[in-house]
Amino acid sequence: MAEQPENIPPIEFTPFEPLCAVFRSHLRDLGHKYTPERAQILDTLVVMDDLFQVDQLIDAMKESGHRVSKATVYRTIKLLQEAGIIQQVLFDAEHAHYQLAYGRKTRDIIVCVDTNEILSIEIPELRALTERVCEQHGLSPESHRLQIFAKRS
């Protein structure tokens, strides 16, 4: 087995079920079907792999040659949230944003409220704090999410 060079940090890897299997299972539990449209929506948001709004998802689907109704996208977004695959990011009352959540241990962001910009951030100290707090309560952390709302100074 080859040694990892000192200047490259170890990659944190946790195997997870494929998203389509998780989604299929959730749909089956609800008595729904995993339709080609739902599969296309899931595939498109996985490729986007970023914060997105529903209109951005629809535009990305159109650019990929997929045709799906807005109503189907909204219903599928709700089902994906229920399945724990995506999560809504609190932004403001007018603009709902979403991001992939399944399989991610952390997804910390700063929401710049005066410019509507969203910045992904990484805070290693927060992971240590999360582990310490959970350990104090006899728990093992699964994930966390931090959202900071700020204005440009």
Protein backbone atom coordinates (compact mmCIF):
# COMPACT_ATOMS: atom_id res chain seq x y z
CA MET A 1 0.00 0.00 0.00
CA ALA A 2 1.46 3.36 -1.04
CA GLU A 3 2.05 6.01 1.59
CA GLN A 4 0.24 9.31 1.26
CA PRO A 5 2.55 12.32 0.69
CA GLU A 6 2.85 14.56 3.75
CA ASN A 7 1.54 17.70 2.03
CA ILE A 8 -1.76 16.12 0.96
CA PRO A 9 -4.44 15.88 3.68
CA PRO A 10 -6.20 12.53 4.01
CA ILE A 11 -9.50 12.31 2.17
CA GLU A 12 -12.52 11.78 4.40
CA PHE A 13 -14.68 9.15 2.75
CA THR A 14 -17.85 7.59 4.05
CA PRO A 15 -19.66 5.13 1.77
CA PHE A 16 -23.34 5.92 1.30
CA GLU A 17 -26.12 4.28 -0.60
CA PRO A 18 -26.53 5.72 -4.08
CA LEU A 19 -28.98 8.59 -4.03
CA CYS A 20 -31.29 6.93 -6.54
CA ALA A 21 -31.62 3.89 -4.23
CA VAL A 22 -32.42 6.11 -1.26
CA PHE A 23 -34.98 8.04 -3.31
CA ARG A 24 -36.54 4.87 -4.75
CA SER A 25 -36.92 3.42 -1.27
CA HIS A 26 -38.55 6.60 0.04
CA LEU A 27 -40.95 6.74 -2.90
CA ARG A 28 -41.81 3.05 -2.52
CA ASP A 29 -42.59 3.63 1.18
CA LEU A 30 -45.01 6.38 0.13
CA GLY A 31 -46.57 4.29 -2.62
CA HIS A 32 -45.09 6.49 -5.38
CA LYS A 33 -43.09 5.50 -8.46
CA TYR A 34 -39.53 6.42 -9.44
CA THR A 35 -40.42 7.99 -12.77
CA PRO A 36 -38.00 9.05 -15.53
CA GLU A 37 -38.85 12.69 -14.73
CA ARG A 38 -37.94 12.24 -11.06
CA ALA A 39 -34.71 10.48 -12.08
CA GLN A 40 -33.83 13.39 -14.41
CA ILE A 41 -34.47 15.93 -11.66
CA LEU A 42 -32.25 14.01 -9.23
CA ASP A 43 -29.50 13.57 -11.84
CA THR A 44 -29.56 17.25 -12.73
CA LEU A 45 -29.28 18.51 -9.16
CA VAL A 46 -26.45 16.06 -8.45
CA VAL A 47 -24.54 17.41 -11.45
CA MET A 48 -25.21 20.98 -10.28
CA ASP A 49 -23.77 20.06 -6.82
CA ASP A 50 -24.28 23.55 -5.46
CA LEU A 51 -26.91 25.74 -3.88
CA PHE A 52 -29.77 26.13 -6.31
CA GLN A 53 -33.21 27.61 -6.74
CA VAL A 54 -35.99 25.71 -8.47
CA ASP A 55 -35.84 28.00 -11.51
CA GLN A 56 -32.10 27.30 -11.86
CA LEU A 57 -32.79 23.57 -11.70
CA ILE A 58 -35.48 23.88 -14.38
CA ASP A 59 -33.12 25.92 -16.60
CA ALA A 60 -30.35 23.33 -16.16
CA MET A 61 -32.78 20.57 -17.10
CA LYS A 62 -33.86 22.44 -20.24
CA GLU A 63 -30.21 22.98 -21.21
CA SER A 64 -29.69 19.21 -20.88
CA GLY A 65 -32.66 18.55 -23.16
CA HIS A 66 -35.03 17.33 -20.43
CA ARG A 67 -38.61 18.52 -20.44
CA VAL A 68 -40.49 18.45 -17.17
CA SER A 69 -43.29 20.56 -15.75
CA LYS A 70 -42.68 23.09 -13.00
CA ALA A 71 -45.30 21.33 -10.87
CA THR A 72 -43.41 18.02 -11.17
CA VAL A 73 -40.17 19.73 -10.15
CA TYR A 74 -41.78 21.31 -7.07
CA ARG A 75 -43.41 18.01 -6.03
CA THR A 76 -40.12 16.18 -6.53
CA ILE A 77 -38.20 18.79 -4.53
CA LYS A 78 -40.61 18.18 -1.62
CA LEU A 79 -40.10 14.41 -1.89
CA LEU A 80 -36.31 14.81 -2.04
CA GLN A 81 -36.42 16.93 1.11
CA GLU A 82 -38.55 14.33 2.90
CA ALA A 83 -36.04 11.64 1.87
CA GLY A 84 -33.18 13.69 3.37
CA ILE A 85 -31.41 14.01 0.02
CA ILE A 86 -31.66 17.77 -0.19
CA GLN A 87 -32.32 20.46 2.38
CA GLN A 88 -33.74 23.92 2.14
CA VAL A 89 -31.35 26.70 3.01
CA LEU A 90 -32.91 29.55 4.92
CA PHE A 91 -32.36 32.68 2.89
CA ASP A 92 -35.39 34.92 2.83
CA ALA A 93 -39.14 34.61 2.42
CA GLU A 94 -39.00 35.23 -1.35
CA HIS A 95 -36.13 32.98 -2.47
CA ALA A 96 -35.96 29.33 -1.43
CA HIS A 97 -32.57 27.75 -2.03
CA TYR A 98 -31.72 24.05 -1.77
CA GLN A 99 -28.57 21.99 -1.54
CA LEU A 100 -27.57 18.35 -1.54
CA ALA A 101 -27.51 17.04 2.00
CA TYR A 102 -27.32 13.25 1.82
CA GLY A 103 -23.83 11.95 2.42
CA ARG A 104 -22.47 15.31 3.48
CA LYS A 105 -21.13 15.62 6.98
CA THR A 106 -21.06 19.42 6.90
CA ARG A 107 -22.32 22.22 4.73
CA ASP A 108 -21.66 25.55 6.38
CA ILE A 109 -22.54 28.80 4.64
CA ILE A 110 -22.60 32.55 5.05
CA VAL A 111 -25.63 34.29 3.58
CA CYS A 112 -24.77 37.86 2.64
CA VAL A 113 -28.18 39.47 3.14
CA ASP A 114 -27.43 42.73 1.33
CA THR A 115 -26.06 41.12 -1.86
CA ASN A 116 -27.95 37.78 -1.83
CA GLU A 117 -24.58 36.02 -2.16
CA ILE A 118 -24.07 32.63 -0.52
CA LEU A 119 -20.56 31.56 0.44
CA SER A 120 -19.62 27.98 1.34
CA ILE A 121 -17.21 27.95 4.28
CA GLU A 122 -15.22 25.34 6.15
CA ILE A 123 -14.58 25.69 9.87
CA PRO A 124 -12.42 22.80 11.17
CA GLU A 125 -12.84 23.98 14.77
CA LEU A 126 -16.60 23.52 14.44
CA ARG A 127 -16.18 19.82 13.68
CA ALA A 128 -14.09 19.39 16.84
CA LEU A 129 -16.68 21.31 18.87
CA THR A 130 -19.51 19.20 17.45
CA GLU A 131 -17.69 15.98 18.33
CA ARG A 132 -16.91 17.20 21.86
CA VAL A 133 -20.50 18.30 22.58
CA CYS A 134 -21.95 15.04 21.26
CA GLU A 135 -19.43 13.00 23.25
CA GLN A 136 -20.44 14.86 26.44
CA HIS A 137 -24.01 13.70 25.84
CA GLY A 138 -23.09 10.14 24.87
CA LEU A 139 -23.89 10.74 21.22
CA SER A 140 -22.07 10.34 17.94
CA PRO A 141 -22.40 13.23 15.47
CA GLU A 142 -23.90 12.43 12.07
CA SER A 143 -23.78 15.89 10.51
CA HIS A 144 -24.21 19.56 11.24
CA ARG A 145 -25.22 22.71 9.41
CA LEU A 146 -24.26 26.27 10.21
CA GLN A 147 -25.79 29.31 8.52
CA ILE A 148 -24.42 32.76 9.25
CA PHE A 149 -26.42 35.76 8.04
CA ALA A 150 -24.20 38.81 7.47
CA LYS A 151 -23.92 42.18 5.71
CA ARG A 152 -20.95 43.63 3.88
CA SER A 153 -19.16 46.20 6.05
